[in-house]
Amino acid sequence: MGQLAELTQGDVLAPLIVRFMEEAPDDYDGQLVIWSDYPLDCRRAVIAALIEIKIMPTSKGKPKGWQPGQPYFDPRSVKITWTRQQ
């Protein structure tokens, strides 16, 4: 485990990787929860290391046909790009 920690030193993902390797049982079924235990600032750093989020220009105001109680968020206004290869 020391070699893995040494190789990933300085990488924001390293603590997650090392912790997963240490805590995952041999018959890991995908149910191990580590993310929820991670502090908020570290979660933000992981997200920033993995993806780039851009807010794209949109038209102003509510869309045509909008009625009170309806959201008017346009998902096309957010562009998410992977910055690391998986």
Protein backbone atom coordinates (compact mmCIF):
# COMPACT_ATOMS: atom_id res chain seq x y z
CA MET A 1 0.00 0.00 0.00
CA GLY A 2 2.93 2.34 0.60
CA GLN A 3 3.97 2.22 -3.05
CA LEU A 4 0.49 3.23 -4.19
CA ALA A 5 0.45 6.17 -1.78
CA GLU A 6 3.92 7.22 -2.93
CA LEU A 7 2.96 7.07 -6.63
CA THR A 8 -0.15 9.16 -6.11
CA GLN A 9 1.35 11.72 -3.71
CA GLY A 10 0.13 15.24 -4.49
CA ASP A 11 -2.89 13.99 -6.40
CA VAL A 12 -6.25 15.00 -4.93
CA LEU A 13 -7.64 11.57 -5.88
CA ALA A 14 -4.91 9.68 -4.01
CA PRO A 15 -6.62 9.57 -0.60
CA LEU A 16 -9.75 8.13 -2.18
CA ILE A 17 -7.78 5.52 -4.10
CA VAL A 18 -5.69 4.49 -1.11
CA ARG A 19 -8.70 4.39 1.21
CA PHE A 20 -10.67 2.33 -1.29
CA MET A 21 -7.81 -0.14 -1.69
CA GLU A 22 -7.48 -0.47 2.09
CA GLU A 23 -11.18 -0.83 2.87
CA ALA A 24 -12.56 -2.74 -0.10
CA PRO A 25 -13.19 -6.38 0.76
CA ASP A 26 -11.85 -9.07 -1.55
CA ASP A 27 -15.39 -9.78 -2.75
CA TYR A 28 -16.18 -6.08 -3.39
CA ASP A 29 -19.72 -5.73 -4.73
CA GLY A 30 -19.71 -2.01 -5.58
CA GLN A 31 -21.49 -0.92 -2.41
CA LEU A 32 -18.56 0.60 -0.52
CA VAL A 33 -19.36 4.24 0.28
CA ILE A 34 -16.37 6.52 0.60
CA TRP A 35 -17.52 9.69 -1.17
CA SER A 36 -20.11 10.62 1.46
CA ASP A 37 -17.45 10.52 4.17
CA TYR A 38 -15.10 12.82 2.24
CA PRO A 39 -15.04 16.48 3.40
CA LEU A 40 -16.81 19.01 1.15
CA ASP A 41 -13.63 20.89 0.21
CA CYS A 42 -12.02 17.61 -0.86
CA ARG A 43 -15.09 16.63 -2.91
CA ARG A 44 -14.89 19.97 -4.70
CA ALA A 45 -11.18 19.42 -5.39
CA VAL A 46 -11.87 15.95 -6.82
CA ILE A 47 -14.60 17.32 -9.10
CA ALA A 48 -12.33 20.15 -10.21
CA ALA A 49 -9.57 17.62 -10.98
CA LEU A 50 -11.85 15.42 -13.08
CA ILE A 51 -14.11 17.77 -15.01
CA GLU A 52 -14.33 21.30 -16.34
CA ILE A 53 -17.69 23.04 -15.97
CA LYS A 54 -18.54 25.96 -18.26
CA ILE A 55 -21.67 28.08 -18.11
CA MET A 56 -22.61 28.88 -21.69
CA PRO A 57 -24.41 32.02 -22.85
CA THR A 58 -28.20 31.74 -23.00
CA SER A 59 -31.11 33.92 -23.91
CA LYS A 60 -32.33 36.25 -21.19
CA GLY A 61 -35.60 35.82 -19.39
CA LYS A 62 -38.03 32.98 -19.24
CA PRO A 63 -38.63 30.77 -22.28
CA LYS A 64 -41.73 31.22 -24.41
CA GLY A 65 -44.70 29.43 -22.90
CA TRP A 66 -43.26 29.41 -19.39
CA GLN A 67 -45.84 29.35 -16.59
CA PRO A 68 -45.43 30.04 -12.86
CA GLY A 69 -44.19 27.01 -10.98
CA GLN A 70 -42.25 25.63 -13.95
CA PRO A 71 -38.45 25.69 -13.91
CA TYR A 72 -36.72 27.49 -16.73
CA PHE A 73 -33.23 26.08 -16.38
CA ASP A 74 -31.77 25.06 -19.74
CA PRO A 75 -29.38 22.11 -19.32
CA ARG A 76 -27.72 23.09 -22.62
CA SER A 77 -26.39 26.15 -20.80
CA VAL A 78 -23.97 23.97 -18.80
CA LYS A 79 -21.10 22.24 -20.59
CA ILE A 80 -19.23 19.51 -18.71
CA THR A 81 -15.96 18.16 -20.12
CA TRP A 82 -13.75 15.42 -18.68
CA THR A 83 -10.23 16.70 -18.00
CA ARG A 84 -8.79 13.27 -17.21
CA GLN A 85 -8.97 10.08 -19.15
CA GLN A 86 -10.68 7.31 -17.21
